[in-house]
């Protein structure tokens, strides 16, 4: 058995995971169209940042 500061660090994390798995007020996943839209927006943002920092050309 471990002792000392931080030895029981994993126990509260396990409780949090159990609580999160039992939450019923979660919304459903978005539709495929919404996921595609968000993917395109995120890809555009990454592209913009890479071009503005000189890490990507055209």
C-alpha atoms as a PDB file:
ATOM      1  CA  UNK A   1       0.000   0.000   0.000  1.00  0.00           C
ATOM      2  CA  UNK A   2       1.345   3.406  -0.914  1.00  0.00           C
ATOM      3  CA  UNK A   3       1.617   6.181   1.631  1.00  0.00           C
ATOM      4  CA  UNK A   4       2.503   9.820   1.505  1.00  0.00           C
ATOM      5  CA  UNK A   5       1.129  12.835  -0.319  1.00  0.00           C
ATOM      6  CA  UNK A   6      -0.901  11.979  -3.378  1.00  0.00           C
ATOM      7  CA  UNK A   7      -1.007   8.236  -2.655  1.00  0.00           C
ATOM      8  CA  UNK A   8      -4.804   8.119  -2.806  1.00  0.00           C
ATOM      9  CA  UNK A   9      -5.055  10.387  -5.838  1.00  0.00           C
ATOM     10  CA  UNK A  10      -6.781   7.838  -8.077  1.00  0.00           C
ATOM     11  CA  UNK A  11      -9.727   7.204  -5.768  1.00  0.00           C
ATOM     12  CA  UNK A  12     -11.520  10.560  -6.229  1.00  0.00           C
ATOM     13  CA  UNK A  13     -10.982  10.290  -9.976  1.00  0.00           C
ATOM     14  CA  UNK A  14     -12.723   6.910 -10.025  1.00  0.00           C
ATOM     15  CA  UNK A  15     -15.692   8.382  -8.185  1.00  0.00           C
ATOM     16  CA  UNK A  16     -15.879  11.261 -10.685  1.00  0.00           C
ATOM     17  CA  UNK A  17     -15.883   8.806 -13.595  1.00  0.00           C
ATOM     18  CA  UNK A  18     -18.733   6.833 -12.018  1.00  0.00           C
ATOM     19  CA  UNK A  19     -20.758   9.995 -11.452  1.00  0.00           C
ATOM     20  CA  UNK A  20     -20.218  11.157 -15.022  1.00  0.00           C
ATOM     21  CA  UNK A  21     -21.367   7.829 -16.421  1.00  0.00           C
ATOM     22  CA  UNK A  22     -24.688   8.113 -14.601  1.00  0.00           C
ATOM     23  CA  UNK A  23     -25.656  11.675 -15.545  1.00  0.00           C
ATOM     24  CA  UNK A  24     -28.993  11.713 -17.314  1.00  0.00           C
ATOM     25  CA  UNK A  25     -29.178  15.383 -18.269  1.00  0.00           C
ATOM     26  CA  UNK A  26     -26.748  14.952 -21.155  1.00  0.00           C
ATOM     27  CA  UNK A  27     -27.794  15.991 -24.643  1.00  0.00           C
ATOM     28  CA  UNK A  28     -27.623  13.612 -27.583  1.00  0.00           C
ATOM     29  CA  UNK A  29     -24.777  13.701 -30.063  1.00  0.00           C
ATOM     30  CA  UNK A  30     -25.353  16.128 -32.930  1.00  0.00           C
ATOM     31  CA  UNK A  31     -26.453  14.897 -36.327  1.00  0.00           C
ATOM     32  CA  UNK A  32     -23.963  13.874 -39.001  1.00  0.00           C
ATOM     33  CA  UNK A  33     -24.545  17.187 -40.791  1.00  0.00           C
ATOM     34  CA  UNK A  34     -23.648  19.128 -37.634  1.00  0.00           C
ATOM     35  CA  UNK A  35     -20.497  17.052 -37.124  1.00  0.00           C
ATOM     36  CA  UNK A  36     -19.458  17.636 -40.756  1.00  0.00           C
ATOM     37  CA  UNK A  37     -20.071  21.376 -40.359  1.00  0.00           C
ATOM     38  CA  UNK A  38     -17.975  21.551 -37.186  1.00  0.00           C
ATOM     39  CA  UNK A  39     -15.195  19.500 -38.809  1.00  0.00           C
ATOM     40  CA  UNK A  40     -15.008  21.891 -41.777  1.00  0.00           C
ATOM     41  CA  UNK A  41     -14.989  24.920 -39.455  1.00  0.00           C
ATOM     42  CA  UNK A  42     -12.221  23.449 -37.306  1.00  0.00           C
ATOM     43  CA  UNK A  43     -10.151  22.506 -40.362  1.00  0.00           C
ATOM     44  CA  UNK A  44     -10.572  26.063 -41.686  1.00  0.00           C
ATOM     45  CA  UNK A  45      -9.460  27.527 -38.366  1.00  0.00           C
ATOM     46  CA  UNK A  46      -6.373  25.294 -38.256  1.00  0.00           C
ATOM     47  CA  UNK A  47      -5.574  26.247 -41.845  1.00  0.00           C
ATOM     48  CA  UNK A  48      -5.947  29.961 -41.043  1.00  0.00           C
ATOM     49  CA  UNK A  49      -3.622  29.719 -38.056  1.00  0.00           C
ATOM     50  CA  UNK A  50      -1.024  27.717 -39.969  1.00  0.00           C
ATOM     51  CA  UNK A  51      -1.051  30.168 -42.897  1.00  0.00           C
ATOM     52  CA  UNK A  52      -0.861  33.216 -40.643  1.00  0.00           C
ATOM     53  CA  UNK A  53       2.158  31.768 -38.802  1.00  0.00           C
ATOM     54  CA  UNK A  54       3.932  30.777 -42.036  1.00  0.00           C
ATOM     55  CA  UNK A  55       3.731  27.039 -41.439  1.00  0.00           C
ATOM     56  CA  UNK A  56       1.607  26.379 -44.522  1.00  0.00           C
ATOM     57  CA  UNK A  57       1.527  27.861 -47.999  1.00  0.00           C
ATOM     58  CA  UNK A  58      -1.543  27.832 -50.195  1.00  0.00           C
END
